Amino acid sequence: MTASPCVRNCCLNENDICLGCFRSLSEIVAWNEADAAKRRAILDHAEKRRRAHEMKYKNPF
């Protein structure tokens, strides 16, 4: 099984997205019961959120 992406730096933003692992609150809750395909989908969504966050808050200097 795929290991949890949790980095033990949990802080939910206003959209209930963890700024440590970039999973949504519902994805975090669903993780333990998710099969391999669902976990891969969760990881894919989290990675897209991470990239969007990095682009939004990228330091221009």
PDB file of N, CA and C in Angstrom:
ATOM      1  N   MET A   1       0.829  -1.195   0.000  1.00  0.00           N
ATOM      2  CA  MET A   1       0.000   0.000   0.000  1.00  0.00           C
ATOM      3  C   MET A   1       0.867   1.249   0.000  1.00  0.00           C
ATOM      4  N   THR A   2       0.324   2.291  -0.539  1.00  0.00           N
ATOM      5  CA  THR A   2       1.010   3.573  -0.607  1.00  0.00           C
ATOM      6  C   THR A   2       1.057   4.222   0.771  1.00  0.00           C
ATOM      7  N   ALA A   3       2.211   4.708   1.153  1.00  0.00           N
ATOM      8  CA  ALA A   3       2.368   5.366   2.446  1.00  0.00           C
ATOM      9  C   ALA A   3       1.681   6.725   2.437  1.00  0.00           C
ATOM     10  N   SER A   4       1.244   7.140   3.587  1.00  0.00           N
ATOM     11  CA  SER A   4       0.605   8.445   3.727  1.00  0.00           C
ATOM     12  C   SER A   4       1.602   9.557   3.408  1.00  0.00           C
ATOM     13  N   PRO A   5       1.157  10.609   2.731  1.00  0.00           N
ATOM     14  CA  PRO A   5       2.034  11.732   2.431  1.00  0.00           C
ATOM     15  C   PRO A   5       2.146  12.728   3.589  1.00  0.00           C
ATOM     16  N   CYS A   6       1.537  12.409   4.710  1.00  0.00           N
ATOM     17  CA  CYS A   6       1.541  13.315   5.856  1.00  0.00           C
ATOM     18  C   CYS A   6       2.972  13.637   6.270  1.00  0.00           C
ATOM     19  N   VAL A   7       3.241  14.915   6.491  1.00  0.00           N
ATOM     20  CA  VAL A   7       4.566  15.356   6.925  1.00  0.00           C
ATOM     21  C   VAL A   7       4.526  15.897   8.358  1.00  0.00           C
ATOM     22  N   ARG A   8       3.418  15.630   9.042  1.00  0.00           N
ATOM     23  CA  ARG A   8       3.226  16.033  10.444  1.00  0.00           C
ATOM     24  C   ARG A   8       3.367  17.537  10.625  1.00  0.00           C
ATOM     25  N   ASN A   9       2.906  18.280   9.627  1.00  0.00           N
ATOM     26  CA  ASN A   9       2.914  19.742   9.663  1.00  0.00           C
ATOM     27  C   ASN A   9       1.519  20.214   9.268  1.00  0.00           C
ATOM     28  N   CYS A  10       0.525  19.757   9.998  1.00  0.00           N
ATOM     29  CA  CYS A  10      -0.871  19.991   9.637  1.00  0.00           C
ATOM     30  C   CYS A  10      -1.312  21.413   9.947  1.00  0.00           C
ATOM     31  N   CYS A  11      -1.820  22.061   8.935  1.00  0.00           N
ATOM     32  CA  CYS A  11      -2.381  23.397   9.068  1.00  0.00           C
ATOM     33  C   CYS A  11      -3.360  23.562   7.914  1.00  0.00           C
ATOM     34  N   LEU A  12      -4.648  23.567   8.228  1.00  0.00           N
ATOM     35  CA  LEU A  12      -5.660  23.682   7.179  1.00  0.00           C
ATOM     36  C   LEU A  12      -5.882  25.137   6.809  1.00  0.00           C
ATOM     37  N   ASN A  13      -5.970  25.398   5.506  1.00  0.00           N
ATOM     38  CA  ASN A  13      -6.274  26.750   5.055  1.00  0.00           C
ATOM     39  C   ASN A  13      -7.786  26.961   5.042  1.00  0.00           C
ATOM     40  N   GLU A  14      -8.230  28.083   4.508  1.00  0.00           N
ATOM     41  CA  GLU A  14      -9.655  28.420   4.500  1.00  0.00           C
ATOM     42  C   GLU A  14     -10.491  27.471   3.636  1.00  0.00           C
ATOM     43  N   ASN A  15      -9.842  26.688   2.785  1.00  0.00           N
ATOM     44  CA  ASN A  15     -10.535  25.714   1.935  1.00  0.00           C
ATOM     45  C   ASN A  15     -10.387  24.285   2.462  1.00  0.00           C
ATOM     46  N   ASP A  16      -9.950  24.146   3.699  1.00  0.00           N
ATOM     47  CA  ASP A  16      -9.719  22.833   4.330  1.00  0.00           C
ATOM     48  C   ASP A  16      -8.710  21.987   3.570  1.00  0.00           C
ATOM     49  N   ILE A  17      -7.646  22.640   3.084  1.00  0.00           N
ATOM     50  CA  ILE A  17      -6.518  21.963   2.453  1.00  0.00           C
ATOM     51  C   ILE A  17      -5.336  22.052   3.416  1.00  0.00           C
ATOM     52  N   CYS A  18      -4.720  20.920   3.687  1.00  0.00           N
ATOM     53  CA  CYS A  18      -3.560  20.902   4.572  1.00  0.00           C
ATOM     54  C   CYS A  18      -2.362  21.511   3.852  1.00  0.00           C
ATOM     55  N   LEU A  19      -1.718  22.478   4.483  1.00  0.00           N
ATOM     56  CA  LEU A  19      -0.559  23.122   3.868  1.00  0.00           C
ATOM     57  C   LEU A  19       0.733  22.337   4.097  1.00  0.00           C
ATOM     58  N   GLY A  20       0.620  21.182   4.750  1.00  0.00           N
ATOM     59  CA  GLY A  20       1.768  20.286   4.891  1.00  0.00           C
ATOM     60  C   GLY A  20       1.819  19.282   3.756  1.00  0.00           C
ATOM     61  N   CYS A  21       0.691  18.591   3.518  1.00  0.00           N
ATOM     62  CA  CYS A  21       0.662  17.532   2.496  1.00  0.00           C
ATOM     63  C   CYS A  21      -0.236  17.882   1.299  1.00  0.00           C
ATOM     64  N   PHE A  22      -1.005  18.941   1.417  1.00  0.00           N
ATOM     65  CA  PHE A  22      -1.884  19.445   0.354  1.00  0.00           C
ATOM     66  C   PHE A  22      -3.053  18.526   0.020  1.00  0.00           C
ATOM     67  N   ARG A  23      -3.410  17.654   0.969  1.00  0.00           N
ATOM     68  CA  ARG A  23      -4.644  16.892   0.808  1.00  0.00           C
ATOM     69  C   ARG A  23      -5.792  17.692   1.402  1.00  0.00           C
ATOM     70  N   SER A  24      -6.986  17.462   0.872  1.00  0.00           N
ATOM     71  CA  SER A  24      -8.173  18.079   1.456  1.00  0.00           C
ATOM     72  C   SER A  24      -8.526  17.330   2.738  1.00  0.00           C
ATOM     73  N   LEU A  25      -9.321  17.965   3.571  1.00  0.00           N
ATOM     74  CA  LEU A  25      -9.736  17.319   4.806  1.00  0.00           C
ATOM     75  C   LEU A  25     -10.455  16.000   4.516  1.00  0.00           C
ATOM     76  N   SER A  26     -11.311  15.987   3.507  1.00  0.00           N
ATOM     77  CA  SER A  26     -12.023  14.754   3.167  1.00  0.00           C
ATOM     78  C   SER A  26     -11.062  13.673   2.663  1.00  0.00           C
ATOM     79  N   GLU A  27     -10.002  14.054   1.955  1.00  0.00           N
ATOM     80  CA  GLU A  27      -9.005  13.080   1.496  1.00  0.00           C
ATOM     81  C   GLU A  27      -8.209  12.519   2.670  1.00  0.00           C
ATOM     82  N   ILE A  28      -7.902  13.363   3.641  1.00  0.00           N
ATOM     83  CA  ILE A  28      -7.177  12.911   4.830  1.00  0.00           C
ATOM     84  C   ILE A  28      -8.017  11.876   5.577  1.00  0.00           C
ATOM     85  N   VAL A  29      -9.299  12.180   5.762  1.00  0.00           N
ATOM     86  CA  VAL A  29     -10.200  11.275   6.477  1.00  0.00           C
ATOM     87  C   VAL A  29     -10.367   9.961   5.713  1.00  0.00           C
ATOM     88  N   ALA A  30     -10.428  10.020   4.384  1.00  0.00           N
ATOM     89  CA  ALA A  30     -10.668   8.839   3.557  1.00  0.00           C
ATOM     90  C   ALA A  30      -9.423   7.970   3.362  1.00  0.00           C
ATOM     91  N   TRP A  31      -8.240   8.486   3.659  1.00  0.00           N
ATOM     92  CA  TRP A  31      -6.987   7.821   3.320  1.00  0.00           C
ATOM     93  C   TRP A  31      -6.904   6.375   3.817  1.00  0.00           C
ATOM     94  N   ASN A  32      -7.200   6.138   5.065  1.00  0.00           N
ATOM     95  CA  ASN A  32      -7.018   4.784   5.625  1.00  0.00           C
ATOM     96  C   ASN A  32      -7.900   3.746   4.967  1.00  0.00           C
ATOM     97  N   GLU A  33      -9.047   4.122   4.475  1.00  0.00           N
ATOM     98  CA  GLU A  33      -9.973   3.177   3.846  1.00  0.00           C
ATOM     99  C   GLU A  33      -9.797   3.104   2.327  1.00  0.00           C
ATOM    100  N   ALA A  34      -8.975   3.981   1.764  1.00  0.00           N
ATOM    101  CA  ALA A  34      -8.817   4.062   0.308  1.00  0.00           C
ATOM    102  C   ALA A  34      -7.977   2.909  -0.230  1.00  0.00           C
ATOM    103  N   ASP A  35      -8.374   2.405  -1.400  1.00  0.00           N
ATOM    104  CA  ASP A  35      -7.562   1.388  -2.066  1.00  0.00           C
ATOM    105  C   ASP A  35      -6.413   2.077  -2.804  1.00  0.00           C
ATOM    106  N   ALA A  36      -5.567   1.304  -3.434  1.00  0.00           N
ATOM    107  CA  ALA A  36      -4.370   1.844  -4.092  1.00  0.00           C
ATOM    108  C   ALA A  36      -4.718   2.863  -5.172  1.00  0.00           C
ATOM    109  N   ALA A  37      -5.755   2.610  -5.958  1.00  0.00           N
ATOM    110  CA  ALA A  37      -6.140   3.537  -7.026  1.00  0.00           C
ATOM    111  C   ALA A  37      -6.631   4.858  -6.454  1.00  0.00           C
ATOM    112  N   LYS A  38      -7.421   4.797  -5.409  1.00  0.00           N
ATOM    113  CA  LYS A  38      -7.938   6.019  -4.777  1.00  0.00           C
ATOM    114  C   LYS A  38      -6.802   6.795  -4.129  1.00  0.00           C
ATOM    115  N   ARG A  39      -5.862   6.096  -3.507  1.00  0.00           N
ATOM    116  CA  ARG A  39      -4.714   6.786  -2.905  1.00  0.00           C
ATOM    117  C   ARG A  39      -3.886   7.495  -3.972  1.00  0.00           C
ATOM    118  N   ARG A  40      -3.704   6.833  -5.119  1.00  0.00           N
ATOM    119  CA  ARG A  40      -2.943   7.466  -6.205  1.00  0.00           C
ATOM    120  C   ARG A  40      -3.657   8.726  -6.679  1.00  0.00           C
ATOM    121  N   ALA A  41      -4.981   8.679  -6.776  1.00  0.00           N
ATOM    122  CA  ALA A  41      -5.765   9.847  -7.180  1.00  0.00           C
ATOM    123  C   ALA A  41      -5.622  10.978  -6.156  1.00  0.00           C
ATOM    124  N   ILE A  42      -5.670  10.612  -4.888  1.00  0.00           N
ATOM    125  CA  ILE A  42      -5.498  11.619  -3.831  1.00  0.00           C
ATOM    126  C   ILE A  42      -4.124  12.269  -3.947  1.00  0.00           C
ATOM    127  N   LEU A  43      -3.085  11.457  -4.145  1.00  0.00           N
ATOM    128  CA  LEU A  43      -1.726  11.992  -4.281  1.00  0.00           C
ATOM    129  C   LEU A  43      -1.601  12.895  -5.503  1.00  0.00           C
ATOM    130  N   ASP A  44      -2.243  12.522  -6.602  1.00  0.00           N
ATOM    131  CA  ASP A  44      -2.211  13.348  -7.815  1.00  0.00           C
ATOM    132  C   ASP A  44      -2.868  14.701  -7.567  1.00  0.00           C
ATOM    133  N   HIS A  45      -4.031  14.689  -6.904  1.00  0.00           N
ATOM    134  CA  HIS A  45      -4.723  15.949  -6.598  1.00  0.00           C
ATOM    135  C   HIS A  45      -3.885  16.817  -5.662  1.00  0.00           C
ATOM    136  N   ALA A  46      -3.278  16.185  -4.667  1.00  0.00           N
ATOM    137  CA  ALA A  46      -2.447  16.921  -3.714  1.00  0.00           C
ATOM    138  C   ALA A  46      -1.249  17.562  -4.408  1.00  0.00           C
ATOM    139  N   GLU A  47      -0.639  16.840  -5.334  1.00  0.00           N
ATOM    140  CA  GLU A  47       0.512  17.394  -6.064  1.00  0.00           C
ATOM    141  C   GLU A  47       0.098  18.591  -6.921  1.00  0.00           C
ATOM    142  N   LYS A  48      -1.045  18.518  -7.549  1.00  0.00           N
ATOM    143  CA  LYS A  48      -1.546  19.657  -8.333  1.00  0.00           C
ATOM    144  C   LYS A  48      -1.784  20.865  -7.431  1.00  0.00           C
ATOM    145  N   ARG A  49      -2.339  20.619  -6.249  1.00  0.00           N
ATOM    146  CA  ARG A  49      -2.558  21.720  -5.302  1.00  0.00           C
ATOM    147  C   ARG A  49      -1.234  22.314  -4.844  1.00  0.00           C
ATOM    148  N   ARG A  50      -0.247  21.447  -4.585  1.00  0.00           N
ATOM    149  CA  ARG A  50       1.068  21.923  -4.151  1.00  0.00           C
ATOM    150  C   ARG A  50       1.691  22.824  -5.225  1.00  0.00           C
ATOM    151  N   ARG A  51       1.650  22.390  -6.470  1.00  0.00           N
ATOM    152  CA  ARG A  51       2.222  23.198  -7.560  1.00  0.00           C
ATOM    153  C   ARG A  51       1.503  24.532  -7.699  1.00  0.00           C
ATOM    154  N   ALA A  52       0.182  24.521  -7.612  1.00  0.00           N
ATOM    155  CA  ALA A  52      -0.600  25.763  -7.712  1.00  0.00           C
ATOM    156  C   ALA A  52      -0.246  26.699  -6.560  1.00  0.00           C
ATOM    157  N   HIS A  53      -0.092  26.144  -5.367  1.00  0.00           N
ATOM    158  CA  HIS A  53       0.274  26.948  -4.195  1.00  0.00           C
ATOM    159  C   HIS A  53       1.656  27.570  -4.397  1.00  0.00           C
ATOM    160  N   GLU A  54       2.594  26.791  -4.867  1.00  0.00           N
ATOM    161  CA  GLU A  54       3.954  27.292  -5.081  1.00  0.00           C
ATOM    162  C   GLU A  54       3.976  28.386  -6.144  1.00  0.00           C
ATOM    163  N   MET A  55       3.187  28.227  -7.189  1.00  0.00           N
ATOM    164  CA  MET A  55       3.129  29.262  -8.227  1.00  0.00           C
ATOM    165  C   MET A  55       2.493  30.544  -7.686  1.00  0.00           C
ATOM    166  N   LYS A  56       1.457  30.414  -6.877  1.00  0.00           N
ATOM    167  CA  LYS A  56       0.759  31.565  -6.336  1.00  0.00           C
ATOM    168  C   LYS A  56       1.635  32.354  -5.383  1.00  0.00           C
ATOM    169  N   TYR A  57       2.422  31.642  -4.573  1.00  0.00           N
ATOM    170  CA  TYR A  57       3.224  32.296  -3.553  1.00  0.00           C
ATOM    171  C   TYR A  57       4.725  32.303  -3.863  1.00  0.00           C
ATOM    172  N   LYS A  58       5.030  32.120  -5.130  1.00  0.00           N
ATOM    173  CA  LYS A  58       6.443  32.111  -5.548  1.00  0.00           C
ATOM    174  C   LYS A  58       7.089  33.465  -5.269  1.00  0.00           C
ATOM    175  N   ASN A  59       8.281  33.426  -4.732  1.00  0.00           N
ATOM    176  CA  ASN A  59       9.026  34.653  -4.444  1.00  0.00           C
ATOM    177  C   ASN A  59       9.612  35.178  -5.754  1.00  0.00           C
ATOM    178  N   PRO A  60       9.255  36.399  -6.163  1.00  0.00           N
ATOM    179  CA  PRO A  60       9.747  36.947  -7.439  1.00  0.00           C
ATOM    180  C   PRO A  60      11.191  37.430  -7.373  1.00  0.00           C
ATOM    181  N   PHE A  61      11.807  37.385  -6.210  1.00  0.00           N
ATOM    182  CA  PHE A  61      13.177  37.890  -6.068  1.00  0.00           C
ATOM    183  C   PHE A  61      14.188  36.798  -6.055  1.00  0.00           C
TER     184      PHE A  61
END
